[in-house]
Amino acid sequence: MEPRKPPAEEPTVSRTLRLYYPPSLVREPILHRLIRQFDLTVNLLGAQLGIDEGWLELQATGSLAELERAITWLTAEGLQVTFLD
């Protein structure tokens, strides 16, 4: 009997995203929760946040499935997500 092979790792993908914050979420720790809840490496590229709204640009790297899960979560939280690459 052959030993079991570990499952093949999913390829890593990297996407540059811009997250648009509505006024109700500007003071929420969205980035913190994104990093804690998902198996992604997040690199902050730029941001402009004010009292009423803002945006955050980041590069997220991980498996395609995890990236899709994170984007679904961000959208469900109320952020608008735009792909920059």
C-alpha atoms as a PDB file:
ATOM      1  CA  MET A   1       0.000   0.000   0.000  1.00  0.00           C
ATOM      2  CA  GLU A   2       1.386   3.408  -1.029  1.00  0.00           C
ATOM      3  CA  PRO A   3       1.565   6.200   1.525  1.00  0.00           C
ATOM      4  CA  ARG A   4      -1.020   8.925   1.089  1.00  0.00           C
ATOM      5  CA  LYS A   5       0.169  11.957  -0.752  1.00  0.00           C
ATOM      6  CA  PRO A   6      -0.619  15.312   0.828  1.00  0.00           C
ATOM      7  CA  PRO A   7      -3.129  17.366  -1.138  1.00  0.00           C
ATOM      8  CA  ALA A   8      -1.566  19.562  -3.771  1.00  0.00           C
ATOM      9  CA  GLU A   9      -1.229  23.142  -2.654  1.00  0.00           C
ATOM     10  CA  GLU A  10      -3.222  25.683  -4.559  1.00  0.00           C
ATOM     11  CA  PRO A  11      -1.138  28.131  -6.552  1.00  0.00           C
ATOM     12  CA  THR A  12      -0.614  31.507  -4.958  1.00  0.00           C
ATOM     13  CA  VAL A  13      -2.147  34.537  -6.637  1.00  0.00           C
ATOM     14  CA  SER A  14      -1.678  38.209  -5.947  1.00  0.00           C
ATOM     15  CA  ARG A  15      -4.273  40.921  -6.639  1.00  0.00           C
ATOM     16  CA  THR A  16      -4.213  44.657  -6.134  1.00  0.00           C
ATOM     17  CA  LEU A  17      -7.499  45.893  -4.707  1.00  0.00           C
ATOM     18  CA  ARG A  18      -8.993  49.249  -3.848  1.00  0.00           C
ATOM     19  CA  LEU A  19     -11.517  49.170  -1.022  1.00  0.00           C
ATOM     20  CA  TYR A  20     -13.989  52.048  -0.859  1.00  0.00           C
ATOM     21  CA  TYR A  21     -15.293  52.741   2.636  1.00  0.00           C
ATOM     22  CA  PRO A  22     -18.764  54.193   3.199  1.00  0.00           C
ATOM     23  CA  PRO A  23     -19.216  56.623   6.108  1.00  0.00           C
ATOM     24  CA  SER A  24     -20.582  53.905   8.391  1.00  0.00           C
ATOM     25  CA  LEU A  25     -17.383  51.811   8.125  1.00  0.00           C
ATOM     26  CA  VAL A  26     -14.596  54.414   8.232  1.00  0.00           C
ATOM     27  CA  ARG A  27     -13.953  53.794  11.941  1.00  0.00           C
ATOM     28  CA  GLU A  28     -14.367  49.993  11.801  1.00  0.00           C
ATOM     29  CA  PRO A  29     -11.263  47.727  11.992  1.00  0.00           C
ATOM     30  CA  ILE A  30     -11.910  46.129   8.596  1.00  0.00           C
ATOM     31  CA  LEU A  31      -8.233  45.701   7.665  1.00  0.00           C
ATOM     32  CA  HIS A  32      -7.479  44.104  11.034  1.00  0.00           C
ATOM     33  CA  ARG A  33     -10.328  41.609  10.624  1.00  0.00           C
ATOM     34  CA  LEU A  34      -9.300  40.860   7.023  1.00  0.00           C
ATOM     35  CA  ILE A  35      -5.786  39.947   8.147  1.00  0.00           C
ATOM     36  CA  ARG A  36      -6.968  37.891  11.136  1.00  0.00           C
ATOM     37  CA  GLN A  37      -9.799  35.985   9.437  1.00  0.00           C
ATOM     38  CA  PHE A  38      -8.216  35.049   6.120  1.00  0.00           C
ATOM     39  CA  ASP A  39      -5.029  33.245   5.156  1.00  0.00           C
ATOM     40  CA  LEU A  40      -3.704  36.116   3.062  1.00  0.00           C
ATOM     41  CA  THR A  41      -0.596  38.252   3.056  1.00  0.00           C
ATOM     42  CA  VAL A  42      -1.734  41.866   2.903  1.00  0.00           C
ATOM     43  CA  ASN A  43       0.503  44.749   1.837  1.00  0.00           C
ATOM     44  CA  LEU A  44      -0.913  48.251   2.265  1.00  0.00           C
ATOM     45  CA  LEU A  45      -0.062  50.369  -0.780  1.00  0.00           C
ATOM     46  CA  GLY A  46      -1.958  53.571  -0.085  1.00  0.00           C
ATOM     47  CA  ALA A  47      -4.948  55.064   1.657  1.00  0.00           C
ATOM     48  CA  GLN A  48      -7.022  58.165   1.965  1.00  0.00           C
ATOM     49  CA  LEU A  49      -9.495  58.115   4.828  1.00  0.00           C
ATOM     50  CA  GLY A  50     -11.574  61.014   6.027  1.00  0.00           C
ATOM     51  CA  ILE A  51     -14.392  61.468   8.479  1.00  0.00           C
ATOM     52  CA  ASP A  52     -17.105  60.578   5.958  1.00  0.00           C
ATOM     53  CA  GLU A  53     -15.497  58.168   3.507  1.00  0.00           C
ATOM     54  CA  GLY A  54     -12.256  56.850   2.173  1.00  0.00           C
ATOM     55  CA  TRP A  55     -10.374  54.256   0.215  1.00  0.00           C
ATOM     56  CA  LEU A  56      -7.577  51.839   0.903  1.00  0.00           C
ATOM     57  CA  GLU A  57      -5.352  50.221  -1.729  1.00  0.00           C
ATOM     58  CA  LEU A  58      -3.732  46.902  -0.942  1.00  0.00           C
ATOM     59  CA  GLN A  59      -2.082  43.893  -2.462  1.00  0.00           C
ATOM     60  CA  ALA A  60      -3.495  40.591  -1.236  1.00  0.00           C
ATOM     61  CA  THR A  61      -1.616  37.329  -1.825  1.00  0.00           C
ATOM     62  CA  GLY A  62      -2.855  33.809  -1.132  1.00  0.00           C
ATOM     63  CA  SER A  63      -4.820  31.005  -2.726  1.00  0.00           C
ATOM     64  CA  LEU A  64      -7.468  31.982  -5.249  1.00  0.00           C
ATOM     65  CA  ALA A  65     -10.176  30.389  -3.090  1.00  0.00           C
ATOM     66  CA  GLU A  66      -9.107  32.365  -0.004  1.00  0.00           C
ATOM     67  CA  LEU A  67      -8.886  35.586  -1.984  1.00  0.00           C
ATOM     68  CA  GLU A  68     -12.392  35.066  -3.379  1.00  0.00           C
ATOM     69  CA  ARG A  69     -13.693  34.300   0.114  1.00  0.00           C
ATOM     70  CA  ALA A  70     -12.144  37.510   1.456  1.00  0.00           C
ATOM     71  CA  ILE A  71     -13.596  39.622  -1.362  1.00  0.00           C
ATOM     72  CA  THR A  72     -17.037  38.140  -0.741  1.00  0.00           C
ATOM     73  CA  TRP A  73     -16.684  38.997   2.958  1.00  0.00           C
ATOM     74  CA  LEU A  74     -15.519  42.569   2.238  1.00  0.00           C
ATOM     75  CA  THR A  75     -18.497  43.138  -0.053  1.00  0.00           C
ATOM     76  CA  ALA A  76     -20.898  41.657   2.506  1.00  0.00           C
ATOM     77  CA  GLU A  77     -19.456  44.018   5.126  1.00  0.00           C
ATOM     78  CA  GLY A  78     -20.448  46.944   2.908  1.00  0.00           C
ATOM     79  CA  LEU A  79     -17.233  47.901   1.126  1.00  0.00           C
ATOM     80  CA  GLN A  80     -16.986  48.395  -2.618  1.00  0.00           C
ATOM     81  CA  VAL A  81     -14.073  46.354  -4.009  1.00  0.00           C
ATOM     82  CA  THR A  82     -12.350  47.296  -7.267  1.00  0.00           C
ATOM     83  CA  PHE A  83      -9.611  45.250  -8.927  1.00  0.00           C
ATOM     84  CA  LEU A  84      -6.657  47.364 -10.054  1.00  0.00           C
ATOM     85  CA  ASP A  85      -4.825  44.592 -11.920  1.00  0.00           C
END
